[in-house]
All heavy atoms as atom14 arrays in JSON, in Angstrom:
{
  "sequence": "PENTPTWEQWRDANTEKKELTQERQDILDFQ",
  "atom14_mask": [
    [1, 1, 1, 1, 1, 1, 1, 0, 0, 0, 0, 0, 0, 0],
    [1, 1, 1, 1, 1, 1, 1, 1, 1, 0, 0, 0, 0, 0],
    [1, 1, 1, 1, 1, 1, 1, 1, 0, 0, 0, 0, 0, 0],
    [1, 1, 1, 1, 1, 1, 1, 0, 0, 0, 0, 0, 0, 0],
    [1, 1, 1, 1, 1, 1, 1, 0, 0, 0, 0, 0, 0, 0],
    [1, 1, 1, 1, 1, 1, 1, 0, 0, 0, 0, 0, 0, 0],
    [1, 1, 1, 1, 1, 1, 1, 1, 1, 1, 1, 1, 1, 1],
    [1, 1, 1, 1, 1, 1, 1, 1, 1, 0, 0, 0, 0, 0],
    [1, 1, 1, 1, 1, 1, 1, 1, 1, 0, 0, 0, 0, 0],
    [1, 1, 1, 1, 1, 1, 1, 1, 1, 1, 1, 1, 1, 1],
    [1, 1, 1, 1, 1, 1, 1, 1, 1, 1, 1, 0, 0, 0],
    [1, 1, 1, 1, 1, 1, 1, 1, 0, 0, 0, 0, 0, 0],
    [1, 1, 1, 1, 1, 0, 0, 0, 0, 0, 0, 0, 0, 0],
    [1, 1, 1, 1, 1, 1, 1, 1, 0, 0, 0, 0, 0, 0],
    [1, 1, 1, 1, 1, 1, 1, 0, 0, 0, 0, 0, 0, 0],
    [1, 1, 1, 1, 1, 1, 1, 1, 1, 0, 0, 0, 0, 0],
    [1, 1, 1, 1, 1, 1, 1, 1, 1, 0, 0, 0, 0, 0],
    [1, 1, 1, 1, 1, 1, 1, 1, 1, 0, 0, 0, 0, 0],
    [1, 1, 1, 1, 1, 1, 1, 1, 1, 0, 0, 0, 0, 0],
    [1, 1, 1, 1, 1, 1, 1, 1, 0, 0, 0, 0, 0, 0],
    [1, 1, 1, 1, 1, 1, 1, 0, 0, 0, 0, 0, 0, 0],
    [1, 1, 1, 1, 1, 1, 1, 1, 1, 0, 0, 0, 0, 0],
    [1, 1, 1, 1, 1, 1, 1, 1, 1, 0, 0, 0, 0, 0],
    [1, 1, 1, 1, 1, 1, 1, 1, 1, 1, 1, 0, 0, 0],
    [1, 1, 1, 1, 1, 1, 1, 1, 1, 0, 0, 0, 0, 0],
    [1, 1, 1, 1, 1, 1, 1, 1, 0, 0, 0, 0, 0, 0],
    [1, 1, 1, 1, 1, 1, 1, 1, 0, 0, 0, 0, 0, 0],
    [1, 1, 1, 1, 1, 1, 1, 1, 0, 0, 0, 0, 0, 0],
    [1, 1, 1, 1, 1, 1, 1, 1, 0, 0, 0, 0, 0, 0],
    [1, 1, 1, 1, 1, 1, 1, 1, 1, 1, 1, 0, 0, 0],
    [1, 1, 1, 1, 1, 1, 1, 1, 1, 0, 0, 0, 0, 0]
  ],
  "atom14_positions": [
    [[-284.81, 60.44, -27.9], [-284.86, 61.51, -26.95], [-283.84, 62.66, -27.31], [-282.81, 62.3, -27.87], [-284.55, 60.88, -25.54], [-284.72, 59.54, -25.76], [-284.68, 59.18, -27.21], [0.0, 0.0, 0.0], [0.0, 0.0, 0.0], [0.0, 0.0, 0.0], [0.0, 0.0, 0.0], [0.0, 0.0, 0.0], [0.0, 0.0, 0.0], [0.0, 0.0, 0.0]],
    [[-284.16, 63.88, -26.97], [-283.33, 64.99, -27.27], [-281.93, 64.84, -26.57], [-280.98, 65.43, -27.09], [-283.99, 66.33, -26.85], [-285.22, 66.67, -27.63], [-284.92, 67.44, -28.9], [-283.82, 68.1, -28.95], [-285.82, 67.5, -29.77], [0.0, 0.0, 0.0], [0.0, 0.0, 0.0], [0.0, 0.0, 0.0], [0.0, 0.0, 0.0], [0.0, 0.0, 0.0]],
    [[-282.01, 64.32, -25.37], [-280.77, 64.23, -24.57], [-279.82, 63.04, -25.0], [-278.79, 62.84, -24.41], [-281.07, 64.16, -23.12], [-281.8, 62.85, -22.72], [-282.28, 62.15, -23.61], [-281.92, 62.73, -21.43], [0.0, 0.0, 0.0], [0.0, 0.0, 0.0], [0.0, 0.0, 0.0], [0.0, 0.0, 0.0], [0.0, 0.0, 0.0], [0.0, 0.0, 0.0]],
    [[-280.2, 62.31, -26.01], [-279.4, 61.27, -26.53], [-278.18, 61.83, -27.26], [-278.42, 62.79, -27.9], [-280.16, 60.37, -27.5], [-281.28, 59.85, -26.87], [-279.28, 59.27, -28.05], [0.0, 0.0, 0.0], [0.0, 0.0, 0.0], [0.0, 0.0, 0.0], [0.0, 0.0, 0.0], [0.0, 0.0, 0.0], [0.0, 0.0, 0.0], [0.0, 0.0, 0.0]],
    [[-277.0, 61.28, -27.08], [-275.82, 61.81, -27.85], [-276.12, 61.84, -29.31], [-276.73, 60.98, -29.85], [-274.67, 60.83, -27.59], [-275.12, 60.14, -26.25], [-276.63, 60.11, -26.34], [0.0, 0.0, 0.0], [0.0, 0.0, 0.0], [0.0, 0.0, 0.0], [0.0, 0.0, 0.0], [0.0, 0.0, 0.0], [0.0, 0.0, 0.0], [0.0, 0.0, 0.0]],
    [[-275.6, 62.81, -30.08], [-275.79, 62.8, -31.47], [-274.93, 61.82, -32.1], [-273.95, 61.28, -31.54], [-275.37, 64.26, -32.02], [-273.92, 64.41, -31.86], [-276.2, 65.44, -31.37], [0.0, 0.0, 0.0], [0.0, 0.0, 0.0], [0.0, 0.0, 0.0], [0.0, 0.0, 0.0], [0.0, 0.0, 0.0], [0.0, 0.0, 0.0], [0.0, 0.0, 0.0]],
    [[-275.14, 61.56, -33.41], [-274.32, 60.5, -34.16], [-272.87, 60.97, -34.15], [-271.99, 60.23, -33.91], [-274.88, 60.35, -35.67], [-273.9, 59.74, -36.53], [-273.22, 60.43, -37.58], [-273.32, 58.53, -36.45], [-272.4, 59.51, -38.11], [-272.39, 58.38, -37.53], [-273.53, 57.39, -35.57], [-271.71, 57.24, -37.68], [-272.82, 56.18, -35.8], [-271.95, 56.14, -36.88]],
    [[-272.63, 62.35, -34.41], [-271.31, 62.81, -34.47], [-270.55, 62.65, -33.17], [-269.41, 62.2, -33.13], [-271.33, 64.32, -34.84], [-271.8, 64.54, -36.29], [-273.33, 64.59, -36.39], [-274.04, 64.49, -35.45], [-273.8, 64.76, -37.61], [0.0, 0.0, 0.0], [0.0, 0.0, 0.0], [0.0, 0.0, 0.0], [0.0, 0.0, 0.0], [0.0, 0.0, 0.0]],
    [[-271.27, 62.89, -31.98], [-270.74, 62.68, -30.66], [-270.29, 61.22, -30.46], [-269.21, 60.81, -30.03], [-271.52, 63.18, -29.57], [-271.79, 64.67, -29.6], [-272.86, 65.11, -28.63], [-273.92, 64.36, -28.41], [-272.71, 66.23, -27.92], [0.0, 0.0, 0.0], [0.0, 0.0, 0.0], [0.0, 0.0, 0.0], [0.0, 0.0, 0.0], [0.0, 0.0, 0.0]],
    [[-271.31, 60.36, -30.68], [-271.04, 59.0, -30.59], [-269.95, 58.34, -31.4], [-269.08, 57.58, -30.95], [-272.4, 58.17, -30.77], [-272.22, 56.74, -30.27], [-272.52, 56.27, -29.11], [-271.77, 55.68, -31.11], [-272.19, 54.88, -29.0], [-271.81, 54.51, -30.28], [-271.42, 55.48, -32.43], [-271.42, 53.25, -30.69], [-271.01, 54.21, -32.87], [-271.03, 53.15, -32.03]],
    [[-269.99, 58.77, -32.66], [-268.87, 58.38, -33.66], [-267.5, 58.74, -33.21], [-266.59, 57.96, -33.22], [-269.37, 58.88, -35.02], [-268.22, 58.46, -36.06], [-268.24, 59.39, -37.34], [-267.99, 60.74, -36.89], [-268.58, 61.83, -37.52], [-269.36, 61.71, -38.53], [-268.25, 63.03, -37.13], [0.0, 0.0, 0.0], [0.0, 0.0, 0.0], [0.0, 0.0, 0.0]],
    [[-267.42, 59.96, -32.82], [-266.11, 60.5, -32.4], [-265.63, 59.78, -31.12], [-264.44, 59.41, -30.99], [-266.12, 61.96, -32.13], [-266.29, 62.77, -33.45], [-266.24, 62.17, -34.54], [-266.65, 63.95, -33.3], [0.0, 0.0, 0.0], [0.0, 0.0, 0.0], [0.0, 0.0, 0.0], [0.0, 0.0, 0.0], [0.0, 0.0, 0.0], [0.0, 0.0, 0.0]],
    [[-266.56, 59.54, -30.22], [-266.2, 58.89, -28.93], [-265.81, 57.38, -29.18], [-264.88, 56.78, -28.61], [-267.31, 58.97, -27.87], [0.0, 0.0, 0.0], [0.0, 0.0, 0.0], [0.0, 0.0, 0.0], [0.0, 0.0, 0.0], [0.0, 0.0, 0.0], [0.0, 0.0, 0.0], [0.0, 0.0, 0.0], [0.0, 0.0, 0.0], [0.0, 0.0, 0.0]],
    [[-266.58, 56.79, -30.11], [-266.27, 55.34, -30.48], [-265.03, 55.22, -31.22], [-264.27, 54.29, -31.03], [-267.51, 54.82, -31.35], [-267.39, 53.3, -31.44], [-267.17, 52.67, -30.45], [-267.6, 52.78, -32.56], [0.0, 0.0, 0.0], [0.0, 0.0, 0.0], [0.0, 0.0, 0.0], [0.0, 0.0, 0.0], [0.0, 0.0, 0.0], [0.0, 0.0, 0.0]],
    [[-264.7, 56.24, -32.02], [-263.52, 56.12, -32.83], [-262.3, 56.32, -31.8], [-261.3, 55.6, -31.87], [-263.39, 57.35, -33.86], [-264.35, 57.16, -34.8], [-262.07, 57.36, -34.55], [0.0, 0.0, 0.0], [0.0, 0.0, 0.0], [0.0, 0.0, 0.0], [0.0, 0.0, 0.0], [0.0, 0.0, 0.0], [0.0, 0.0, 0.0], [0.0, 0.0, 0.0]],
    [[-262.41, 57.25, -30.86], [-261.35, 57.37, -29.84], [-261.25, 56.04, -29.04], [-260.08, 55.72, -28.74], [-261.73, 58.6, -28.95], [-260.61, 58.91, -27.97], [-260.87, 60.06, -27.08], [-261.95, 60.64, -27.18], [-259.93, 60.48, -26.31], [0.0, 0.0, 0.0], [0.0, 0.0, 0.0], [0.0, 0.0, 0.0], [0.0, 0.0, 0.0], [0.0, 0.0, 0.0]],
    [[-262.23, 55.54, -28.73], [-262.22, 54.28, -27.88], [-261.59, 53.22, -28.7], [-260.62, 52.47, -28.05], [-263.61, 53.78, -27.53], [-263.63, 52.47, -26.83], [-265.05, 52.04, -26.51], [-265.11, 50.63, -25.91], [-266.44, 50.03, -25.82], [0.0, 0.0, 0.0], [0.0, 0.0, 0.0], [0.0, 0.0, 0.0], [0.0, 0.0, 0.0], [0.0, 0.0, 0.0]],
    [[-261.71, 53.07, -29.94], [-261.11, 52.06, -30.77], [-259.62, 52.35, -30.85], [-258.74, 51.42, -30.82], [-261.61, 52.02, -32.19], [-263.06, 51.35, -32.19], [-263.71, 51.38, -33.55], [-265.0, 50.67, -33.73], [-265.63, 50.73, -35.06], [0.0, 0.0, 0.0], [0.0, 0.0, 0.0], [0.0, 0.0, 0.0], [0.0, 0.0, 0.0], [0.0, 0.0, 0.0]],
    [[-259.22, 53.67, -31.08], [-257.82, 54.06, -31.2], [-257.15, 53.77, -29.85], [-255.94, 53.18, -29.83], [-257.8, 55.53, -31.43], [-258.11, 55.72, -33.0], [-258.26, 57.3, -33.25], [-258.09, 58.04, -32.37], [-258.5, 57.52, -34.47], [0.0, 0.0, 0.0], [0.0, 0.0, 0.0], [0.0, 0.0, 0.0], [0.0, 0.0, 0.0], [0.0, 0.0, 0.0]],
    [[-257.74, 54.11, -28.73], [-257.12, 53.87, -27.46], [-256.98, 52.28, -27.16], [-255.96, 51.91, -26.53], [-257.92, 54.53, -26.34], [-257.89, 55.99, -26.26], [-258.81, 56.6, -25.35], [-256.39, 56.59, -25.96], [0.0, 0.0, 0.0], [0.0, 0.0, 0.0], [0.0, 0.0, 0.0], [0.0, 0.0, 0.0], [0.0, 0.0, 0.0], [0.0, 0.0, 0.0]],
    [[-257.86, 51.56, -27.56], [-257.93, 50.04, -27.35], [-256.75, 49.57, -28.16], [-256.07, 48.62, -27.73], [-259.22, 49.4, -27.79], [-260.3, 50.02, -26.94], [-259.2, 47.94, -27.71], [0.0, 0.0, 0.0], [0.0, 0.0, 0.0], [0.0, 0.0, 0.0], [0.0, 0.0, 0.0], [0.0, 0.0, 0.0], [0.0, 0.0, 0.0], [0.0, 0.0, 0.0]],
    [[-256.55, 49.98, -29.37], [-255.48, 49.54, -30.24], [-254.1, 49.96, -29.68], [-253.15, 49.24, -29.71], [-255.63, 50.14, -31.69], [-254.53, 49.56, -32.7], [-254.5, 48.09, -32.81], [-255.55, 47.45, -33.01], [-253.36, 47.53, -32.48], [0.0, 0.0, 0.0], [0.0, 0.0, 0.0], [0.0, 0.0, 0.0], [0.0, 0.0, 0.0], [0.0, 0.0, 0.0]],
    [[-254.06, 51.22, -29.18], [-252.85, 51.71, -28.56], [-252.44, 50.89, -27.34], [-251.35, 50.51, -27.23], [-253.02, 53.17, -28.18], [-251.82, 53.82, -27.59], [-252.07, 55.28, -27.16], [-252.81, 55.99, -27.86], [-251.41, 55.68, -26.22], [0.0, 0.0, 0.0], [0.0, 0.0, 0.0], [0.0, 0.0, 0.0], [0.0, 0.0, 0.0], [0.0, 0.0, 0.0]],
    [[-253.41, 50.57, -26.55], [-253.19, 49.64, -25.37], [-252.6, 48.21, -25.89], [-251.7, 47.75, -25.32], [-254.48, 49.42, -24.58], [-254.32, 48.57, -23.33], [-255.65, 48.44, -22.63], [-255.48, 47.69, -21.42], [-255.5, 46.37, -21.36], [-255.72, 45.66, -22.5], [-255.37, 45.73, -20.23], [0.0, 0.0, 0.0], [0.0, 0.0, 0.0], [0.0, 0.0, 0.0]],
    [[-253.24, 47.72, -26.97], [-252.77, 46.36, -27.31], [-251.38, 46.56, -27.86], [-250.47, 45.66, -27.75], [-253.69, 45.86, -28.5], [-253.32, 44.47, -28.87], [-253.43, 43.5, -27.7], [-254.42, 43.53, -26.96], [-252.34, 42.77, -27.47], [0.0, 0.0, 0.0], [0.0, 0.0, 0.0], [0.0, 0.0, 0.0], [0.0, 0.0, 0.0], [0.0, 0.0, 0.0]],
    [[-251.06, 47.64, -28.69], [-249.66, 47.84, -29.18], [-248.72, 47.92, -28.07], [-247.63, 47.36, -28.06], [-249.61, 49.13, -29.9], [-250.42, 49.05, -31.27], [-250.81, 47.93, -31.68], [-250.67, 50.17, -31.87], [0.0, 0.0, 0.0], [0.0, 0.0, 0.0], [0.0, 0.0, 0.0], [0.0, 0.0, 0.0], [0.0, 0.0, 0.0], [0.0, 0.0, 0.0]],
    [[-249.06, 48.58, -26.93], [-248.11, 48.72, -25.7], [-247.94, 47.31, -25.09], [-246.81, 46.9, -24.79], [-248.72, 49.72, -24.76], [-248.64, 51.15, -25.31], [-248.02, 49.71, -23.41], [-249.32, 52.19, -24.51], [0.0, 0.0, 0.0], [0.0, 0.0, 0.0], [0.0, 0.0, 0.0], [0.0, 0.0, 0.0], [0.0, 0.0, 0.0], [0.0, 0.0, 0.0]],
    [[-249.04, 46.57, -24.95], [-248.91, 45.19, -24.43], [-248.08, 44.26, -25.21], [-247.2, 43.48, -24.78], [-250.34, 44.61, -24.24], [-251.2, 45.15, -23.14], [-252.57, 44.66, -23.22], [-250.63, 45.11, -21.76], [0.0, 0.0, 0.0], [0.0, 0.0, 0.0], [0.0, 0.0, 0.0], [0.0, 0.0, 0.0], [0.0, 0.0, 0.0], [0.0, 0.0, 0.0]],
    [[-248.27, 44.39, -26.52], [-247.38, 43.56, -27.47], [-245.9, 44.08, -27.33], [-244.99, 43.11, -27.38], [-247.87, 43.72, -29.0], [-249.22, 43.14, -29.18], [-249.71, 42.4, -28.35], [-249.87, 43.55, -30.25], [0.0, 0.0, 0.0], [0.0, 0.0, 0.0], [0.0, 0.0, 0.0], [0.0, 0.0, 0.0], [0.0, 0.0, 0.0], [0.0, 0.0, 0.0]],
    [[-245.63, 45.27, -27.24], [-244.31, 45.78, -27.14], [-243.67, 45.31, -25.89], [-242.53, 44.9, -25.71], [-244.27, 47.24, -27.22], [-242.82, 47.91, -27.16], [-241.95, 47.63, -28.2], [-242.49, 48.73, -26.16], [-240.68, 48.14, -28.14], [-241.25, 49.25, -26.12], [-240.38, 48.95, -27.15], [0.0, 0.0, 0.0], [0.0, 0.0, 0.0], [0.0, 0.0, 0.0]],
    [[-244.52, 45.34, -24.79], [-244.02, 44.84, -23.43], [-243.6, 43.35, -23.51], [-242.61, 43.05, -22.95], [-245.09, 45.03, -22.4], [-244.63, 44.57, -20.97], [-243.49, 45.53, -20.54], [-243.57, 46.68, -20.53], [-242.43, 44.81, -20.09], [0.0, 0.0, 0.0], [0.0, 0.0, 0.0], [0.0, 0.0, 0.0], [0.0, 0.0, 0.0], [0.0, 0.0, 0.0]]
  ]
}
């Protein structure tokens, strides 16, 4: 469908999600 996110949108959002997940884990490890 036309209203489906584009590959570029999904890739960028997924990359950001992975980075935030790693950042959260780094904070928990530091705690």
